[in-house]
Amino acid sequence: MTIGEIYKLSDAHPPAFGEVTSVTENEFWNEILEEDEQVRLAWADWYQWNEKDVYCIQGGGFEVERLVPATADEVAIYRQKVEEYKDYWEGEG
């Protein structure tokens, strides 16, 4: 996991993409095992889009194991969608 690289949260529907800003070790209570566990979370603003709208999960942390590096094509689309998202919200303000 590399800070500044763009990753894909592949099990999200639609997939989410984000440029990782930090990775932390977080403790959480696992109800199934009934004990605390450590998990590594990658933090970023995660962007998703459908055919016309772009959504952002701001400052979300997801388990590192759920992420895969984005391809060059996916990175290009991600950058375009981030700009669309920012342009939309700047126009609203």
C-alpha atoms as a PDB file:
ATOM      1  CA  MET A   1       0.000   0.000   0.000  1.00  0.00           C
ATOM      2  CA  THR A   2       1.586   3.256  -1.175  1.00  0.00           C
ATOM      3  CA  ILE A   3       0.519   6.717  -0.035  1.00  0.00           C
ATOM      4  CA  GLY A   4      -0.428   8.868  -3.039  1.00  0.00           C
ATOM      5  CA  GLU A   5      -1.326   5.925  -5.277  1.00  0.00           C
ATOM      6  CA  ILE A   6      -4.862   5.384  -6.554  1.00  0.00           C
ATOM      7  CA  TYR A   7      -6.613   2.201  -5.468  1.00  0.00           C
ATOM      8  CA  LYS A   8      -9.895   0.539  -6.309  1.00  0.00           C
ATOM      9  CA  LEU A   9     -12.315  -0.720  -3.667  1.00  0.00           C
ATOM     10  CA  SER A  10     -13.339  -3.611  -5.848  1.00  0.00           C
ATOM     11  CA  ASP A  11     -16.148  -5.025  -3.719  1.00  0.00           C
ATOM     12  CA  ALA A  12     -18.118  -1.748  -3.767  1.00  0.00           C
ATOM     13  CA  HIS A  13     -20.967  -1.444  -6.276  1.00  0.00           C
ATOM     14  CA  PRO A  14     -20.160   0.526  -8.309  1.00  0.00           C
ATOM     15  CA  PRO A  15     -16.422   0.282  -7.527  1.00  0.00           C
ATOM     16  CA  ALA A  16     -14.924   3.214  -5.617  1.00  0.00           C
ATOM     17  CA  PHE A  17     -11.550   4.792  -6.332  1.00  0.00           C
ATOM     18  CA  GLY A  18      -9.363   6.916  -4.104  1.00  0.00           C
ATOM     19  CA  GLU A  19      -5.877   8.372  -3.777  1.00  0.00           C
ATOM     20  CA  VAL A  20      -4.627   6.998  -0.465  1.00  0.00           C
ATOM     21  CA  THR A  21      -3.635   9.721   2.006  1.00  0.00           C
ATOM     22  CA  SER A  22      -2.708   7.541   4.997  1.00  0.00           C
ATOM     23  CA  VAL A  23      -2.752   3.996   6.337  1.00  0.00           C
ATOM     24  CA  THR A  24      -3.481   3.269   9.993  1.00  0.00           C
ATOM     25  CA  GLU A  25      -3.753   0.290  12.302  1.00  0.00           C
ATOM     26  CA  ASN A  26      -7.184   0.321  13.909  1.00  0.00           C
ATOM     27  CA  GLU A  27      -8.609  -1.898  16.605  1.00  0.00           C
ATOM     28  CA  PHE A  28     -12.193  -3.064  16.310  1.00  0.00           C
ATOM     29  CA  TRP A  29     -14.469  -5.490  18.102  1.00  0.00           C
ATOM     30  CA  ASN A  30     -15.195  -8.605  16.073  1.00  0.00           C
ATOM     31  CA  GLU A  31     -18.593  -9.835  17.252  1.00  0.00           C
ATOM     32  CA  ILE A  32     -18.151 -13.224  15.585  1.00  0.00           C
ATOM     33  CA  LEU A  33     -14.858 -14.006  17.319  1.00  0.00           C
ATOM     34  CA  GLU A  34     -15.837 -11.974  20.391  1.00  0.00           C
ATOM     35  CA  GLU A  35     -12.437 -10.327  20.649  1.00  0.00           C
ATOM     36  CA  ASP A  36     -10.576  -7.241  19.492  1.00  0.00           C
ATOM     37  CA  GLU A  37      -8.773  -7.413  16.167  1.00  0.00           C
ATOM     38  CA  GLN A  38      -6.294  -5.128  14.435  1.00  0.00           C
ATOM     39  CA  VAL A  39      -7.044  -4.057  10.888  1.00  0.00           C
ATOM     40  CA  ARG A  40      -5.091  -1.837   8.500  1.00  0.00           C
ATOM     41  CA  LEU A  41      -7.244   0.896   6.965  1.00  0.00           C
ATOM     42  CA  ALA A  42      -6.381   2.989   3.910  1.00  0.00           C
ATOM     43  CA  TRP A  43      -7.849   6.503   4.130  1.00  0.00           C
ATOM     44  CA  ALA A  44      -8.903   8.626   1.167  1.00  0.00           C
ATOM     45  CA  ASP A  45     -11.785  10.466  -0.438  1.00  0.00           C
ATOM     46  CA  TRP A  46     -13.413   7.600  -2.325  1.00  0.00           C
ATOM     47  CA  TYR A  47     -15.232   8.443  -5.552  1.00  0.00           C
ATOM     48  CA  GLN A  48     -17.977   6.399  -7.201  1.00  0.00           C
ATOM     49  CA  TRP A  49     -20.038   7.205 -10.261  1.00  0.00           C
ATOM     50  CA  ASN A  50     -22.940   5.956 -12.276  1.00  0.00           C
ATOM     51  CA  GLU A  51     -23.678   7.049 -15.826  1.00  0.00           C
ATOM     52  CA  LYS A  52     -24.276  10.699 -14.918  1.00  0.00           C
ATOM     53  CA  ASP A  53     -23.592  11.411 -11.240  1.00  0.00           C
ATOM     54  CA  VAL A  54     -20.359  11.327  -9.232  1.00  0.00           C
ATOM     55  CA  TYR A  55     -20.443  10.619  -5.504  1.00  0.00           C
ATOM     56  CA  CYS A  56     -17.746  11.019  -2.873  1.00  0.00           C
ATOM     57  CA  ILE A  57     -17.262   9.199   0.425  1.00  0.00           C
ATOM     58  CA  GLN A  58     -15.090  11.811   2.099  1.00  0.00           C
ATOM     59  CA  GLY A  59     -12.344  10.691   4.439  1.00  0.00           C
ATOM     60  CA  GLY A  60     -13.344   7.039   4.394  1.00  0.00           C
ATOM     61  CA  GLY A  61     -11.111   4.249   5.633  1.00  0.00           C
ATOM     62  CA  PHE A  62     -11.339   0.772   4.112  1.00  0.00           C
ATOM     63  CA  GLU A  63      -9.477  -2.430   4.886  1.00  0.00           C
ATOM     64  CA  VAL A  64      -6.269  -2.705   2.872  1.00  0.00           C
ATOM     65  CA  GLU A  65      -7.171  -6.279   1.881  1.00  0.00           C
ATOM     66  CA  ARG A  66     -10.223  -4.990  -0.015  1.00  0.00           C
ATOM     67  CA  LEU A  67      -8.162  -2.704  -2.264  1.00  0.00           C
ATOM     68  CA  VAL A  68      -6.359  -3.341  -5.548  1.00  0.00           C
ATOM     69  CA  PRO A  69      -4.191  -0.919  -7.535  1.00  0.00           C
ATOM     70  CA  ALA A  70      -6.149   0.950 -10.199  1.00  0.00           C
ATOM     71  CA  THR A  71      -5.148   0.421 -13.814  1.00  0.00           C
ATOM     72  CA  ALA A  72      -3.879   3.307 -15.966  1.00  0.00           C
ATOM     73  CA  ASP A  73      -7.276   3.501 -17.703  1.00  0.00           C
ATOM     74  CA  GLU A  74      -9.105   3.537 -14.369  1.00  0.00           C
ATOM     75  CA  VAL A  75      -6.789   6.270 -13.047  1.00  0.00           C
ATOM     76  CA  ALA A  76      -7.552   8.449 -16.087  1.00  0.00           C
ATOM     77  CA  ILE A  77     -11.300   8.035 -15.596  1.00  0.00           C
ATOM     78  CA  TYR A  78     -10.929   8.623 -11.839  1.00  0.00           C
ATOM     79  CA  ARG A  79      -9.111  11.944 -12.432  1.00  0.00           C
ATOM     80  CA  GLN A  80     -11.824  13.031 -14.891  1.00  0.00           C
ATOM     81  CA  LYS A  81     -14.604  12.128 -12.449  1.00  0.00           C
ATOM     82  CA  VAL A  82     -12.897  13.949  -9.556  1.00  0.00           C
ATOM     83  CA  GLU A  83     -12.787  17.088 -11.712  1.00  0.00           C
ATOM     84  CA  GLU A  84     -16.469  16.662 -12.634  1.00  0.00           C
ATOM     85  CA  TYR A  85     -17.327  16.314  -8.938  1.00  0.00           C
ATOM     86  CA  LYS A  86     -15.327  19.407  -7.971  1.00  0.00           C
ATOM     87  CA  ASP A  87     -16.713  21.470 -10.873  1.00  0.00           C
ATOM     88  CA  TYR A  88     -20.265  20.554  -9.884  1.00  0.00           C
ATOM     89  CA  TRP A  89     -19.825  21.561  -6.240  1.00  0.00           C
ATOM     90  CA  GLU A  90     -17.931  24.760  -7.086  1.00  0.00           C
ATOM     91  CA  GLY A  91     -20.811  25.733  -9.391  1.00  0.00           C
ATOM     92  CA  GLU A  92     -23.298  25.137  -6.565  1.00  0.00           C
ATOM     93  CA  GLY A  93     -21.397  27.329  -4.088  1.00  0.00           C
END
